[in-house]
Amino acid sequence: MATITNKIILWLATGFGTGYLPWAPGSWGAAAAAIMGWWLVDLPFLWYLLIIFALTVIGFGVSPAADRYLSIKSGKKYDNSQIVIDEWVGMLITLLPFYFFEKSILYLVIGFLMFRIFDTLKFGLAKLADQWRHSGGVMLDDIVAGLHSGIFFFIALWVMEKF
C-alpha cells in the first residue's frame, strides 16, 4: 500500500491519523470527532448532515481497503482498531442534539461518554451490525451506536433543561 491513493485511504480510514494513537484508538478518534463536532455544529443544520453523509460514504468506501492492509500488519482479519472513521461518524451523529439545545463543554463531554458507552456495549441493532462480518459492518455498528447515543443524549439534554 505504497501509492499516494492508498496512503489517502489509510489517512481517511484512520480518522485523519487519530486511529494510530496508542491505547484505545476508538476513544481517540471519537474525542477528535467531538472536538471537530464542537465547531461543526455552528454550521447550518443541512451542512452538518451533509458532512455526516459524506464521511459515511467515504467510510464505506475506504474501510474495506484499509482493513485489508491493516490485517496484514496486525493479523486481525476484521475491523482493525486503527480504523476510526466509523467513530467519527457515530460521534457526529451523537452531537446532533446540539442543534436543539444549548452547546456547552459539559454537554460535549456527556455526549462523548454516551457515545463511547453505546459503542462499547453494542446492544440491539448495533450488536447485530457488529456481528455482520462484512465491510459494511465496520461502519454500521458505529452508525447505530451513534443513533442510540444521540437519542439518549437528546433525552438527557431535554431532562436537564426541564428540571
Protein backbone atom coordinates (compact mmCIF):
# COMPACT_ATOMS: atom_id res chain seq x y z
CA MET A 1 0.00 0.00 0.00
CA ALA A 2 2.67 2.47 -1.04
CA THR A 3 0.80 4.56 -3.59
CA ILE A 4 -0.49 8.02 -2.74
CA THR A 5 -4.07 6.78 -3.22
CA ASN A 6 -3.54 4.05 -0.66
CA LYS A 7 -1.97 6.50 1.80
CA ILE A 8 -5.00 8.76 1.43
CA ILE A 9 -7.27 5.75 2.03
CA LEU A 10 -5.42 4.96 5.26
CA TRP A 11 -5.39 8.60 6.34
CA LEU A 12 -9.15 8.84 5.89
CA ALA A 13 -9.95 5.43 7.41
CA THR A 14 -7.82 6.17 10.47
CA GLY A 15 -9.77 9.36 11.14
CA PHE A 16 -7.06 11.65 9.78
CA GLY A 17 -4.44 9.66 11.66
CA THR A 18 -6.16 9.56 15.07
CA GLY A 19 -6.53 5.79 14.82
CA TYR A 20 -2.77 5.43 15.19
CA LEU A 21 -2.76 6.91 18.69
CA PRO A 22 -2.00 4.27 21.37
CA TRP A 23 -4.39 2.86 23.98
CA ALA A 24 -7.96 2.85 22.78
CA PRO A 25 -7.73 4.38 19.30
CA GLY A 26 -11.54 4.37 19.07
CA SER A 27 -11.72 6.74 22.04
CA TRP A 28 -9.07 8.99 20.48
CA GLY A 29 -10.98 9.02 17.21
CA ALA A 30 -14.25 9.81 18.96
CA ALA A 31 -12.56 12.55 21.02
CA ALA A 32 -11.12 14.15 17.88
CA ALA A 33 -14.54 13.95 16.24
CA ALA A 34 -16.16 15.51 19.32
CA ILE A 35 -13.72 18.43 19.16
CA MET A 36 -14.35 18.85 15.44
CA GLY A 37 -18.10 18.47 16.01
CA TRP A 38 -17.97 21.30 18.56
CA TRP A 39 -17.20 23.70 15.71
CA LEU A 40 -19.17 21.93 13.01
CA VAL A 41 -22.48 22.30 14.86
CA ASP A 42 -22.18 26.05 14.27
CA LEU A 43 -22.74 25.35 10.57
CA PRO A 44 -26.29 25.26 9.18
CA PHE A 45 -28.05 22.00 10.03
CA LEU A 46 -28.16 20.81 6.41
CA TRP A 47 -24.40 21.32 6.01
CA TYR A 48 -23.78 19.30 9.17
CA LEU A 49 -25.95 16.47 7.83
CA LEU A 50 -24.08 16.63 4.51
CA ILE A 51 -20.74 16.32 6.33
CA ILE A 52 -22.02 13.25 8.20
CA PHE A 53 -23.32 11.80 4.94
CA ALA A 54 -20.02 12.48 3.13
CA LEU A 55 -17.96 10.90 5.93
CA THR A 56 -20.29 7.90 5.93
CA VAL A 57 -19.91 7.39 2.18
CA ILE A 58 -16.15 7.86 2.44
CA GLY A 59 -16.04 5.43 5.38
CA PHE A 60 -17.92 2.73 3.49
CA GLY A 61 -15.54 3.31 0.58
CA VAL A 62 -12.17 3.32 2.37
CA SER A 63 -12.74 0.92 5.28
CA PRO A 64 -12.53 -2.35 3.29
CA ALA A 65 -9.18 -1.47 1.65
CA ALA A 66 -7.74 -0.11 4.88
CA ASP A 67 -8.95 -3.19 6.77
CA ARG A 68 -7.24 -5.50 4.27
CA TYR A 69 -3.97 -3.58 4.58
CA LEU A 70 -4.05 -3.29 8.36
CA SER A 71 -4.93 -7.01 8.63
CA ILE A 72 -1.60 -7.88 7.08
CA LYS A 73 0.22 -5.96 9.80
CA SER A 74 -1.99 -6.84 12.77
CA GLY A 75 -3.13 -10.36 11.92
CA LYS A 76 -6.67 -9.31 12.84
CA LYS A 77 -8.92 -10.23 9.93
CA TYR A 78 -11.75 -7.79 10.52
CA ASP A 79 -12.46 -4.33 11.96
CA ASN A 80 -8.93 -3.30 12.90
CA SER A 81 -8.85 -0.86 15.78
CA GLN A 82 -6.94 1.79 13.80
CA ILE A 83 -9.97 2.30 11.55
CA VAL A 84 -11.85 5.05 13.37
CA ILE A 85 -13.72 6.87 10.62
CA ASP A 86 -16.73 4.95 11.93
CA GLU A 87 -16.21 6.54 15.36
CA TRP A 88 -16.06 9.95 13.68
CA VAL A 89 -19.43 9.35 12.03
CA GLY A 90 -21.02 7.92 15.18
CA MET A 91 -19.76 10.79 17.33
CA LEU A 92 -21.02 13.42 14.89
CA ILE A 93 -24.43 11.72 14.86
CA THR A 94 -24.42 11.78 18.67
CA LEU A 95 -23.89 15.56 18.65
CA LEU A 96 -26.98 16.29 16.54
CA PRO A 97 -28.96 17.38 19.66
CA PHE A 98 -26.71 20.48 19.85
CA TYR A 99 -28.96 21.89 17.15
CA PHE A 100 -31.86 21.83 19.61
CA PHE A 101 -30.19 22.54 22.96
CA GLU A 102 -27.52 24.81 24.37
CA LYS A 103 -23.97 23.84 23.47
CA SER A 104 -21.59 23.51 26.42
CA ILE A 105 -18.34 21.73 27.24
CA LEU A 106 -20.16 19.71 29.92
CA TYR A 107 -22.74 18.56 27.38
CA LEU A 108 -19.97 17.73 24.91
CA VAL A 109 -18.29 15.51 27.50
CA ILE A 110 -21.62 13.85 28.32
CA GLY A 111 -22.25 13.22 24.61
CA PHE A 112 -18.76 11.79 24.18
CA LEU A 113 -19.17 9.46 27.17
CA MET A 114 -22.61 8.35 25.98
CA PHE A 115 -21.26 7.50 22.55
CA ARG A 116 -18.31 5.57 23.98
CA ILE A 117 -20.65 3.60 26.27
CA PHE A 118 -23.08 2.78 23.47
CA ASP A 119 -20.23 1.99 21.08
CA THR A 120 -18.52 -0.29 23.58
CA LEU A 121 -21.61 -2.10 24.90
CA LYS A 122 -23.25 -2.53 21.48
CA PHE A 123 -26.79 -3.60 22.19
CA GLY A 124 -29.72 -4.22 19.88
CA LEU A 125 -29.13 -3.29 16.27
CA ALA A 126 -25.56 -2.16 16.99
CA LYS A 127 -24.70 -5.66 18.22
CA LEU A 128 -26.33 -7.19 15.16
CA ALA A 129 -24.39 -4.84 12.85
CA ASP A 130 -21.15 -5.60 14.72
CA GLN A 131 -21.64 -9.32 14.10
CA TRP A 132 -22.00 -8.71 10.36
CA ARG A 133 -18.53 -9.72 9.18
CA HIS A 134 -18.67 -7.64 6.04
CA SER A 135 -17.05 -4.34 5.13
CA GLY A 136 -20.33 -2.57 5.90
CA GLY A 137 -20.32 -3.90 9.46
CA VAL A 138 -17.27 -1.78 10.31
CA MET A 139 -19.32 1.37 9.73
CA LEU A 140 -22.84 0.20 10.59
CA ASP A 141 -22.32 -0.69 14.24
CA ASP A 142 -20.98 2.80 15.00
CA ILE A 143 -23.71 4.49 12.98
CA VAL A 144 -26.31 2.61 15.03
CA ALA A 145 -24.41 3.31 18.28
CA GLY A 146 -24.39 6.99 17.26
CA LEU A 147 -28.15 6.91 16.69
CA HIS A 148 -28.71 5.20 20.05
CA SER A 149 -26.47 7.61 21.94
CA GLY A 150 -27.88 10.60 20.03
CA ILE A 151 -31.42 9.69 21.08
CA PHE A 152 -30.41 9.22 24.72
CA PHE A 153 -28.29 12.39 24.58
CA PHE A 154 -31.32 14.31 23.29
CA ILE A 155 -33.48 12.93 26.11
CA ALA A 156 -30.78 13.70 28.71
CA LEU A 157 -30.43 17.30 27.49
CA TRP A 158 -34.19 17.73 27.44
CA VAL A 159 -34.48 16.43 31.03
CA MET A 160 -31.57 18.60 32.22
CA GLU A 161 -33.12 21.71 30.71
CA LYS A 162 -36.62 20.97 32.07
CA PHE A 163 -35.59 20.18 35.65
